[in-house]
Protein backbone atom coordinates (compact mmCIF):
# COMPACT_ATOMS: atom_id res chain seq x y z
CA MET A 1 148.47 53.12 72.92
CA LEU A 2 151.10 50.77 74.97
CA ALA A 3 153.97 51.99 73.09
CA ARG A 4 153.36 55.32 74.64
CA ALA A 5 153.54 53.79 77.79
CA ALA A 6 157.20 52.75 77.12
CA ASN A 7 157.57 55.71 75.37
CA PRO A 8 156.24 58.77 76.15
CA ASN A 9 157.79 61.03 73.51
CA PRO A 10 158.13 58.43 70.56
CA PRO A 11 160.24 59.59 67.51
CA HIS A 12 158.59 61.77 64.75
CA ASP A 13 160.08 59.30 62.09
CA PRO A 14 157.12 57.18 60.98
CA GLU A 15 159.42 54.26 60.69
CA ALA A 16 160.93 54.48 63.96
CA SER A 17 157.44 55.16 65.17
CA ARG A 18 156.23 51.79 63.40
CA LEU A 19 159.58 49.70 64.79
CA LEU A 20 158.52 51.12 68.54
CA ARG A 21 155.24 49.51 67.82
CA LEU A 22 156.33 46.44 66.34
CA TRP A 23 158.78 46.00 69.36
CA VAL A 24 155.76 46.77 72.00
CA ASP A 25 153.75 43.91 70.29
CA LEU A 26 156.66 41.08 70.30
CA THR A 27 157.60 42.18 73.59
CA GLN A 28 154.43 41.43 74.65
CA ARG A 29 153.92 38.41 73.02
CA ALA A 30 157.37 37.29 74.06
CA ALA A 31 156.47 37.78 77.96
CA SER A 32 153.04 35.69 77.57
CA ALA A 33 154.74 32.93 75.89
CA ALA A 34 157.66 33.20 78.52
CA ALA A 35 154.93 32.98 80.83
CA HIS A 36 152.66 30.29 79.71
CA ARG A 37 155.65 28.15 78.57
CA SER A 38 154.84 28.58 74.83
CA GLY A 39 157.21 27.31 72.39
CA ASP A 40 156.89 30.54 70.19
CA GLU A 41 159.37 32.58 73.04
CA GLU A 42 162.44 32.01 71.43
CA SER A 43 161.50 32.79 68.12
CA LEU A 44 159.73 35.92 69.37
CA ARG A 45 162.20 36.63 71.34
CA ASN A 46 164.97 36.67 68.51
CA LEU A 47 162.24 39.06 66.22
CA GLN A 48 162.04 41.51 69.42
CA LEU A 49 165.82 41.85 69.19
CA GLN A 50 166.10 42.23 65.60
CA VAL A 51 164.21 45.23 66.04
CA GLU A 52 165.98 46.31 68.91
CA ASP A 53 168.85 46.34 66.25
CA THR A 54 167.08 48.13 63.49
CA LEU A 55 166.17 50.89 65.98
CA THR A 56 170.00 51.14 67.31
CA ASP A 57 170.36 52.40 63.74
CA ARG A 58 167.51 54.34 63.12
CA VAL A 59 166.93 56.32 66.47
CA PRO A 60 169.08 59.04 67.79
CA ASP A 61 170.50 58.01 71.52
CA SER A 62 169.02 54.54 71.10
CA ASP A 63 171.03 53.64 74.52
CA ALA A 64 168.70 55.82 76.44
CA LEU A 65 165.71 54.69 74.11
CA LEU A 66 166.82 51.12 75.05
CA THR A 67 167.14 51.59 78.44
CA GLU A 68 163.54 52.85 78.85
CA LEU A 69 162.20 50.35 76.77
CA TRP A 70 164.07 47.73 78.72
CA VAL A 71 162.72 48.89 81.90
CA TRP A 72 159.09 48.61 80.93
CA GLU A 73 159.78 45.21 79.24
CA SER A 74 160.44 44.20 82.88
CA THR A 75 156.70 45.34 84.30
CA LEU A 76 155.12 42.76 82.06
CA ILE A 77 157.89 39.62 83.42
CA HIS A 78 154.91 37.37 85.29
CA VAL A 79 154.25 33.92 86.60
CA ALA A 80 151.11 32.74 85.02
CA GLU A 81 148.90 30.49 87.42
CA THR A 82 146.22 30.43 84.56
CA PRO A 83 146.34 29.64 80.82
CA PRO A 84 147.12 33.04 78.78
CA GLU A 85 143.24 33.17 77.66
CA THR A 86 142.38 34.43 81.59
CA CYS A 87 145.69 35.56 82.72
CA LEU A 88 144.80 39.46 83.26
CA ILE A 89 148.28 40.19 82.34
CA CYS A 90 148.29 39.21 78.86
CA ARG A 91 144.61 40.26 78.53
CA LYS A 92 145.37 43.64 79.06
CA ALA A 93 148.39 43.50 77.05
CA ARG A 94 146.21 42.13 73.78
CA LEU A 95 143.40 44.93 74.41
CA GLY A 96 145.66 47.95 74.78
CA LEU A 97 145.35 48.86 78.49
CA PRO A 98 148.05 50.27 80.49
CA THR A 99 150.37 48.17 82.05
CA ASP A 100 149.88 50.13 85.38
CA LEU A 101 145.96 49.11 85.52
CA PRO A 102 145.75 47.72 88.84
CA LEU A 103 144.49 43.50 89.08
CA PRO A 104 141.48 42.95 91.20
CA ALA A 105 142.99 41.56 94.46
CA ALA A 106 140.47 39.53 95.39
CA ILE A 107 140.67 36.84 92.48
CA GLY A 108 144.40 37.23 92.55
CA GLY A 109 145.26 38.44 89.04
CA ALA A 110 142.77 35.54 87.15
CA LEU A 111 139.58 36.17 85.49
């Protein structure tokens, strides 16, 4: 799952693992909303920040974890030239495919 891509060694705490999965989902949705100019971007970002605050309280060495998550989040930033339904970056996120899976060069990231 993508949570592993963001953090190869998730905490053993089930609640922290659930929070990580939630953070990954919110982050993917916020990146898609930003790229495709959805009105949901601000609310998704606020939820993401709330989860980050909770992770900070719950996970030891949360600074290192959050730094790793933010680096992963930067890989989701993209400029949308297609609707979200045909955007390969957004489709990869919805399907749970690795973010480093190469995009087809011949069609410029559009399907």
